Amino acid sequence: MIFKRVGDSRPYPDHGYAQKQWAAIAPQQVRLGDLVTTKRTLDLEALLEDDSTFYGDLFAHVVSYRGELYLEDGLHRALRAALQQRQTMHARVLELR
């Protein structure tokens, strides 16, 4: 199993963070096996594009809430890491209380 769990929603409160605020959070390594996804489906085109991060953040966005790590943005990055046999990836982690 790649992820801890596959979810289909965001069970945490809306944080209202914009791209600029996410960019202020230093990336850190997270284990793929500790992540809970917030989407059940993936746009295959986003996974296969060479420049898939051209308009977005280079790092995935993860929300830490009530002891769980939710992969909010960057599912295609996480799957790429898994396909490359990696156990971890770099992500910006927002701590919500």
C-alpha atoms as a PDB file:
ATOM      1  CA  MET A   1       0.000   0.000   0.000  1.00  0.00           C
ATOM      2  CA  ILE A   2       1.392   3.398  -0.983  1.00  0.00           C
ATOM      3  CA  PHE A   3      -0.657   5.576   1.377  1.00  0.00           C
ATOM      4  CA  LYS A   4      -1.967   5.112   4.887  1.00  0.00           C
ATOM      5  CA  ARG A   5      -5.506   5.550   3.588  1.00  0.00           C
ATOM      6  CA  VAL A   6      -7.321   6.793   0.489  1.00  0.00           C
ATOM      7  CA  GLY A   7      -9.877   9.446   1.341  1.00  0.00           C
ATOM      8  CA  ASP A   8     -12.213  11.540  -0.759  1.00  0.00           C
ATOM      9  CA  SER A   9     -12.650  14.723   1.261  1.00  0.00           C
ATOM     10  CA  ARG A  10     -10.903  17.194   3.531  1.00  0.00           C
ATOM     11  CA  PRO A  11     -11.973  16.350   7.105  1.00  0.00           C
ATOM     12  CA  TYR A  12     -10.213  19.390   8.545  1.00  0.00           C
ATOM     13  CA  PRO A  13     -11.506  22.982   8.783  1.00  0.00           C
ATOM     14  CA  ASP A  14     -10.863  25.364   5.893  1.00  0.00           C
ATOM     15  CA  HIS A  15      -7.478  26.978   6.489  1.00  0.00           C
ATOM     16  CA  GLY A  16      -7.798  29.694   3.841  1.00  0.00           C
ATOM     17  CA  TYR A  17      -4.122  29.493   2.893  1.00  0.00           C
ATOM     18  CA  ALA A  18      -3.197  31.006  -0.466  1.00  0.00           C
ATOM     19  CA  GLN A  19      -0.219  29.959  -2.602  1.00  0.00           C
ATOM     20  CA  LYS A  20       1.950  32.742  -1.147  1.00  0.00           C
ATOM     21  CA  GLN A  21       1.271  31.549   2.415  1.00  0.00           C
ATOM     22  CA  TRP A  22       2.069  27.941   1.505  1.00  0.00           C
ATOM     23  CA  ALA A  23       5.353  29.138  -0.023  1.00  0.00           C
ATOM     24  CA  ALA A  24       6.404  30.527   3.375  1.00  0.00           C
ATOM     25  CA  ILE A  25       6.322  27.014   4.918  1.00  0.00           C
ATOM     26  CA  ALA A  26       9.681  25.249   4.647  1.00  0.00           C
ATOM     27  CA  PRO A  27       9.469  21.852   2.939  1.00  0.00           C
ATOM     28  CA  GLN A  28      10.207  18.721   4.945  1.00  0.00           C
ATOM     29  CA  GLN A  29      10.309  15.023   4.181  1.00  0.00           C
ATOM     30  CA  VAL A  30       7.167  13.005   4.789  1.00  0.00           C
ATOM     31  CA  ARG A  31       6.648   9.270   4.459  1.00  0.00           C
ATOM     32  CA  LEU A  32       4.190   8.272   1.765  1.00  0.00           C
ATOM     33  CA  GLY A  33       2.877   5.556   4.073  1.00  0.00           C
ATOM     34  CA  ASP A  34       1.837   8.211   6.628  1.00  0.00           C
ATOM     35  CA  LEU A  35      -0.326  10.186   4.185  1.00  0.00           C
ATOM     36  CA  VAL A  36      -4.107  10.109   3.830  1.00  0.00           C
ATOM     37  CA  THR A  37      -5.265  11.336   0.428  1.00  0.00           C
ATOM     38  CA  THR A  38      -8.093  13.841   0.069  1.00  0.00           C
ATOM     39  CA  LYS A  39      -8.863  12.775  -3.519  1.00  0.00           C
ATOM     40  CA  ARG A  40      -9.799   9.358  -4.849  1.00  0.00           C
ATOM     41  CA  THR A  41      -9.008  10.137  -8.488  1.00  0.00           C
ATOM     42  CA  LEU A  42      -5.998  11.490 -10.326  1.00  0.00           C
ATOM     43  CA  ASP A  43      -5.758  13.305 -13.613  1.00  0.00           C
ATOM     44  CA  LEU A  44      -3.435  10.968 -15.525  1.00  0.00           C
ATOM     45  CA  GLU A  45      -2.290  13.858 -17.702  1.00  0.00           C
ATOM     46  CA  ALA A  46      -0.965  15.670 -14.603  1.00  0.00           C
ATOM     47  CA  LEU A  47       0.979  12.560 -13.614  1.00  0.00           C
ATOM     48  CA  LEU A  48       2.646  12.151 -17.002  1.00  0.00           C
ATOM     49  CA  GLU A  49       3.451  15.776 -17.844  1.00  0.00           C
ATOM     50  CA  ASP A  50       7.133  16.658 -17.656  1.00  0.00           C
ATOM     51  CA  ASP A  51       6.367  20.226 -16.536  1.00  0.00           C
ATOM     52  CA  SER A  52       3.503  19.408 -14.185  1.00  0.00           C
ATOM     53  CA  THR A  53       4.832  21.843 -11.562  1.00  0.00           C
ATOM     54  CA  PHE A  54       5.255  24.757 -14.017  1.00  0.00           C
ATOM     55  CA  TYR A  55       2.236  26.667 -12.704  1.00  0.00           C
ATOM     56  CA  GLY A  56       2.162  25.261  -9.196  1.00  0.00           C
ATOM     57  CA  ASP A  57       4.331  24.682  -6.175  1.00  0.00           C
ATOM     58  CA  LEU A  58       7.334  22.381  -6.499  1.00  0.00           C
ATOM     59  CA  PHE A  59       6.291  20.717  -3.250  1.00  0.00           C
ATOM     60  CA  ALA A  60       3.141  18.893  -2.226  1.00  0.00           C
ATOM     61  CA  HIS A  61       0.833  20.473   0.356  1.00  0.00           C
ATOM     62  CA  VAL A  62       0.057  18.399   3.438  1.00  0.00           C
ATOM     63  CA  VAL A  63      -2.235  19.349   6.312  1.00  0.00           C
ATOM     64  CA  SER A  64      -1.472  17.906   9.736  1.00  0.00           C
ATOM     65  CA  TYR A  65      -4.725  17.631  11.694  1.00  0.00           C
ATOM     66  CA  ARG A  66      -5.585  15.537  14.748  1.00  0.00           C
ATOM     67  CA  GLY A  67      -2.616  13.249  14.347  1.00  0.00           C
ATOM     68  CA  GLU A  68      -3.135  12.571  10.625  1.00  0.00           C
ATOM     69  CA  LEU A  69      -1.270  13.893   7.585  1.00  0.00           C
ATOM     70  CA  TYR A  70      -3.657  14.767   4.753  1.00  0.00           C
ATOM     71  CA  LEU A  71      -2.284  15.155   1.240  1.00  0.00           C
ATOM     72  CA  GLU A  72      -4.227  18.204   0.077  1.00  0.00           C
ATOM     73  CA  ASP A  73      -2.320  18.962  -3.120  1.00  0.00           C
ATOM     74  CA  GLY A  74       0.335  16.949  -4.911  1.00  0.00           C
ATOM     75  CA  LEU A  75      -1.195  13.519  -5.422  1.00  0.00           C
ATOM     76  CA  HIS A  76       0.596  13.228  -8.769  1.00  0.00           C
ATOM     77  CA  ARG A  77       3.934  14.056  -7.081  1.00  0.00           C
ATOM     78  CA  ALA A  78       3.325  11.387  -4.450  1.00  0.00           C
ATOM     79  CA  LEU A  79       2.502   8.770  -7.078  1.00  0.00           C
ATOM     80  CA  ARG A  80       5.584   9.687  -9.072  1.00  0.00           C
ATOM     81  CA  ALA A  81       7.692   9.186  -5.945  1.00  0.00           C
ATOM     82  CA  ALA A  82       6.064   5.788  -5.352  1.00  0.00           C
ATOM     83  CA  LEU A  83       6.652   4.735  -8.967  1.00  0.00           C
ATOM     84  CA  GLN A  84      10.314   5.636  -8.493  1.00  0.00           C
ATOM     85  CA  GLN A  85      10.414   3.265  -5.495  1.00  0.00           C
ATOM     86  CA  ARG A  86      10.822   6.113  -3.004  1.00  0.00           C
ATOM     87  CA  GLN A  87       9.302   5.906   0.481  1.00  0.00           C
ATOM     88  CA  THR A  88       9.367   9.669   1.151  1.00  0.00           C
ATOM     89  CA  MET A  89       8.812  12.975  -0.600  1.00  0.00           C
ATOM     90  CA  HIS A  90       9.263  16.633   0.250  1.00  0.00           C
ATOM     91  CA  ALA A  91       6.134  18.572   1.191  1.00  0.00           C
ATOM     92  CA  ARG A  92       5.052  21.754   2.897  1.00  0.00           C
ATOM     93  CA  VAL A  93       3.224  20.729   6.080  1.00  0.00           C
ATOM     94  CA  LEU A  94       0.618  23.047   7.603  1.00  0.00           C
ATOM     95  CA  GLU A  95      -0.193  22.296  11.247  1.00  0.00           C
ATOM     96  CA  LEU A  96      -3.868  22.834  12.067  1.00  0.00           C
ATOM     97  CA  ARG A  97      -5.227  22.635  15.605  1.00  0.00           C
END
